[in-house]
Protein backbone atom coordinates (compact mmCIF):
# COMPACT_ATOMS: atom_id res chain seq x y z
CA ALA A 1 -15.92 -11.47 8.89
CA ALA A 2 -15.85 -7.85 7.70
CA ARG A 3 -13.18 -6.82 10.18
CA ARG A 4 -10.92 -9.64 9.02
CA LEU A 5 -11.15 -8.43 5.44
CA TRP A 6 -11.27 -4.64 5.72
CA ARG A 7 -10.09 -3.40 9.13
CA LYS A 8 -6.66 -2.47 7.69
CA ARG A 9 -8.17 -0.67 4.74
CA PHE A 10 -11.03 1.33 6.29
CA PRO A 11 -11.07 3.63 9.35
CA ASP A 12 -13.42 1.15 11.05
CA CYS A 13 -15.86 -1.61 10.09
CA SER A 14 -19.10 -0.12 11.33
CA LEU A 15 -22.02 -0.80 9.05
CA GLY A 16 -22.17 2.88 8.10
CA THR A 17 -18.51 2.87 7.02
CA LEU A 18 -18.94 -0.35 5.08
CA GLU A 19 -22.01 1.07 3.33
CA THR A 20 -20.04 4.11 2.20
CA LEU A 21 -16.59 2.69 1.41
CA LEU A 22 -17.38 -0.90 0.42
CA LEU A 23 -20.88 -0.73 -1.07
CA GLY A 24 -20.75 2.86 -2.33
CA ARG A 25 -24.08 3.65 -0.70
CA SER A 26 -25.17 6.72 1.19
CA ARG A 27 -28.33 7.02 3.26
CA ALA A 28 -30.66 9.96 3.16
CA LEU A 29 -31.55 11.62 6.46
CA ASP A 30 -31.87 8.75 8.87
CA VAL A 31 -32.62 8.07 12.53
CA PRO A 32 -29.35 7.81 14.50
CA GLY A 33 -28.99 4.26 15.80
CA ALA A 34 -28.34 5.54 19.32
CA ARG A 35 -31.86 7.04 19.42
CA ILE A 36 -33.70 3.90 18.39
CA PRO A 37 -34.01 2.32 21.90
CA GLU A 38 -35.46 5.55 23.26
CA ILE A 39 -37.95 5.82 20.37
CA TRP A 40 -38.97 2.18 20.77
CA LEU A 41 -39.51 2.53 24.51
CA GLU A 42 -41.75 5.54 24.04
CA TYR A 43 -43.64 3.77 21.24
CA SER A 44 -44.12 0.68 23.45
CA ARG A 45 -45.55 2.84 26.26
CA ARG A 46 -47.78 5.12 24.21
CA GLY A 47 -48.46 3.04 21.10
CA PHE A 48 -47.21 5.89 18.92
CA HIS A 49 -44.06 7.78 18.06
CA PRO A 50 -43.70 10.09 15.06
CA LEU A 51 -40.31 8.56 14.17
CA MET A 52 -41.33 4.91 14.40
CA ASP A 53 -41.74 4.57 10.63
CA ALA A 54 -38.23 5.99 10.23
CA VAL A 55 -36.94 3.42 12.72
CA LEU A 56 -38.48 0.61 10.68
CA ALA A 57 -36.96 2.03 7.52
CA HIS A 58 -33.57 2.29 9.27
CA ASN A 59 -33.73 -1.34 10.36
CA ALA A 60 -34.79 -2.49 6.89
CA ALA A 61 -31.82 -0.61 5.38
CA ASP A 62 -29.52 -2.24 7.94
CA LEU A 63 -30.70 -5.69 6.91
CA GLU A 64 -30.30 -4.92 3.24
CA SER A 65 -26.77 -3.61 3.81
CA LEU A 66 -25.81 -6.60 5.96
CA ALA A 67 -26.90 -8.92 3.16
CA ALA A 68 -24.83 -6.92 0.66
CA VAL A 69 -21.76 -6.99 2.95
CA ALA A 70 -22.19 -10.75 3.41
CA ALA A 71 -22.27 -11.13 -0.37
CA GLU A 72 -19.01 -9.15 -0.65
CA CYS A 73 -17.43 -11.38 2.00
CA GLY A 74 -18.55 -14.44 0.08
CA ARG A 75 -17.08 -13.03 -3.13
CA MET A 76 -13.68 -12.53 -1.47
CA HIS A 77 -13.72 -16.04 0.00
CA SER A 78 -14.81 -17.69 -3.25
CA ASN A 79 -11.31 -17.25 -4.72
CA PRO A 80 -8.88 -16.03 -2.04
CA ALA A 81 -5.86 -15.84 -4.37
CA GLU A 82 -7.67 -13.45 -6.71
CA ALA A 83 -9.36 -11.32 -4.04
CA ARG A 84 -8.80 -7.59 -4.41
CA GLY A 85 -9.57 -4.59 -2.23
CA CYS A 86 -9.28 -6.46 1.08
CA ASP A 87 -6.64 -7.62 3.55
CA ARG A 88 -5.42 -10.61 1.57
CA THR A 89 -2.94 -11.57 4.26
CA ALA A 90 -5.72 -12.00 6.81
CA LEU A 91 -7.79 -13.85 4.22
CA GLY A 92 -4.89 -16.15 3.36
CA SER A 93 -4.16 -16.76 7.04
CA LEU A 94 -7.71 -18.02 7.59
CA TRP A 95 -7.61 -20.27 4.53
CA LEU A 96 -4.20 -21.60 5.54
CA ARG A 97 -6.02 -23.23 8.45
CA LEU A 98 -9.15 -24.22 6.53
CA GLU A 99 -7.61 -25.41 3.26
CA PRO A 100 -3.81 -24.96 3.15
CA SER A 101 -3.46 -24.99 -0.65
CA LYS A 102 -5.87 -22.05 -0.97
CA GLY A 103 -4.21 -20.24 1.91
CA ARG A 104 -0.75 -20.64 0.42
CA ALA A 105 -1.92 -19.39 -2.97
CA ALA A 106 -3.51 -16.30 -1.41
CA LEU A 107 -0.48 -15.54 0.74
CA GLU A 108 1.96 -16.08 -2.12
CA ARG A 109 0.01 -13.63 -4.28
CA ALA A 110 -0.17 -11.09 -1.44
CA PHE A 111 3.57 -11.45 -0.78
CA GLU A 112 4.35 -10.95 -4.46
CA ASP A 113 2.40 -7.70 -4.25
CA GLY A 114 4.45 -6.44 -1.33
CA GLU A 115 2.49 -7.56 1.75
CA GLU A 116 5.39 -8.45 4.04
CA ARG A 117 3.13 -10.03 6.69
CA ALA A 118 2.13 -12.63 4.13
CA GLY A 119 5.78 -13.59 3.71
CA TRP A 120 6.22 -14.15 7.43
CA LEU A 121 3.11 -16.34 7.56
CA LEU A 122 4.41 -18.39 4.64
CA LEU A 123 7.82 -18.65 6.30
CA GLY A 124 6.31 -20.12 9.47
CA HIS A 125 4.05 -22.44 7.49
CA TYR A 126 6.88 -23.86 5.39
CA ARG A 127 9.18 -24.19 8.41
CA ARG A 128 6.56 -26.10 10.40
CA GLY A 129 5.94 -28.36 7.43
CA GLY A 130 9.65 -29.06 6.92
CA GLU A 131 9.51 -27.56 3.42
CA TYR A 132 12.91 -25.92 3.72
CA GLY A 133 13.37 -25.23 0.03
CA GLU A 134 10.24 -23.06 0.09
CA TYR A 135 11.27 -21.64 3.46
CA GLU A 136 14.64 -20.54 2.06
CA ARG A 137 12.98 -19.02 -1.00
CA ILE A 138 10.75 -16.81 1.16
CA LEU A 139 13.53 -16.00 3.63
CA GLY A 140 15.76 -14.90 0.77
CA VAL A 141 13.36 -12.17 -0.36
CA LEU A 142 12.04 -10.85 2.95
CA ALA A 143 12.83 -7.18 3.40
CA PRO A 144 15.98 -6.55 5.46
CA SER A 145 15.04 -6.02 9.10
CA ARG A 146 16.24 -7.07 12.52
CA ASP A 147 13.75 -9.94 12.55
CA SER A 148 14.61 -11.21 9.07
CA TRP A 149 18.35 -11.16 9.82
CA VAL A 150 17.78 -12.98 13.11
CA GLU A 151 15.77 -15.60 11.22
CA ARG A 152 18.63 -15.97 8.74
CA ALA A 153 21.08 -16.34 11.61
CA LYS A 154 18.99 -19.09 13.21
CA HIS A 155 18.61 -20.92 9.92
CA ALA A 156 22.32 -20.72 9.10
CA GLU A 157 23.35 -21.90 12.57
CA HIS A 158 20.86 -24.69 13.21
CA ARG A 159 19.94 -25.99 9.77
CA SER A 160 22.60 -25.02 7.26
CA ARG A 161 25.38 -25.41 9.86
CA ASP A 162 27.11 -22.38 8.37
CA LEU A 163 28.45 -20.55 11.41
CA LYS A 164 30.11 -17.79 9.40
CA ALA A 165 26.86 -16.98 7.61
CA ALA A 166 25.03 -17.11 10.95
CA LEU A 167 27.47 -14.63 12.50
CA ARG A 168 27.23 -12.28 9.50
CA ALA A 169 23.43 -12.34 9.74
CA ALA A 170 23.49 -11.73 13.51
CA LEU A 171 25.82 -8.75 13.05
CA GLU A 172 23.49 -7.34 10.38
CA ALA A 173 20.58 -7.73 12.82
CA ARG A 174 22.65 -5.89 15.46
CA SER A 175 22.68 -2.79 13.23
CA PHE A 176 18.91 -2.33 13.60
CA PRO A 177 17.36 -0.56 16.61
CA ALA A 178 15.98 -2.86 19.31
CA ASP A 179 14.84 -2.65 22.90
CA PRO A 180 17.44 -3.60 25.55
CA GLU A 181 16.10 -7.12 26.07
CA LEU A 182 16.23 -7.97 22.36
CA ARG A 183 19.64 -6.33 22.04
CA GLU A 184 20.95 -8.43 24.92
CA ALA A 185 19.60 -11.65 23.36
CA LEU A 186 21.26 -10.75 20.07
CA ASP A 187 24.55 -9.99 21.79
CA ARG A 188 24.44 -13.41 23.47
CA ARG A 189 23.87 -15.01 20.06
CA ILE A 190 26.85 -13.19 18.60
CA VAL A 191 29.12 -14.19 21.51
CA ARG A 192 27.98 -17.82 21.20
CA LEU A 193 28.63 -17.88 17.45
CA GLU A 194 32.04 -16.28 17.85
CA GLY A 195 32.86 -18.92 20.46
CA LYS A 196 31.80 -21.75 18.18
CA LEU A 197 33.85 -20.34 15.33
CA ALA A 198 36.90 -20.03 17.57
CA VAL A 199 36.56 -23.68 18.59
CA MET A 200 36.14 -24.71 14.96
CA ARG A 201 39.27 -22.80 13.90
CA THR A 202 41.24 -24.40 16.73
CA ARG A 203 40.17 -27.87 15.66
CA GLU A 204 41.02 -27.14 12.04
CA GLY A 205 44.43 -25.87 13.11
CA ARG A 206 45.14 -29.07 15.01
CA ARG A 207 44.28 -31.18 11.98
CA VAL A 208 46.86 -29.47 9.78
CA LEU A 209 49.71 -29.59 12.34
CA PRO A 210 52.39 -32.22 11.51
CA ARG A 211 52.39 -35.25 13.80
């Protein structure tokens, strides 16, 4: 749960990092967690270890911090659209599956604030649901990239039936760097669109010729 919310914001999601960066807590001198098994084994053999009280204190602090982290997770999930200080795109993605209206609200807010991943999740959600007005709204404001231009090309060719717009979008996508396989796929798309447009122009020319 913590990794979903904070892995993109913190260096890692170890309990120690969460204590410091999320809860604002710092521990006094403490027993390193890696030493605890060794201390416990010696205690279990001899019935005594000078650091056993420190181990118990360490474990008690762990439990207290885990409860506090769980409370922070609960606070973020209580109102996903208004959550702050976490990965709202990941939060919205989860709620999109659990309760789509909450997920959409969270992703829309994240997208408004510049989280491009949220826009792509919304795009896929609206496309799968056949909500093409919402799909076009999101597509229209995605940042220019090879992927966004390819998506525009697909939409123009297969849904809007606007081959000229599809070709323009594919050519825009061609201007972005891509690996050879993606470049080849894009080139095939451009050739196909140019072929379709040539056929369309031929048919239009035949219609205007005198009989």
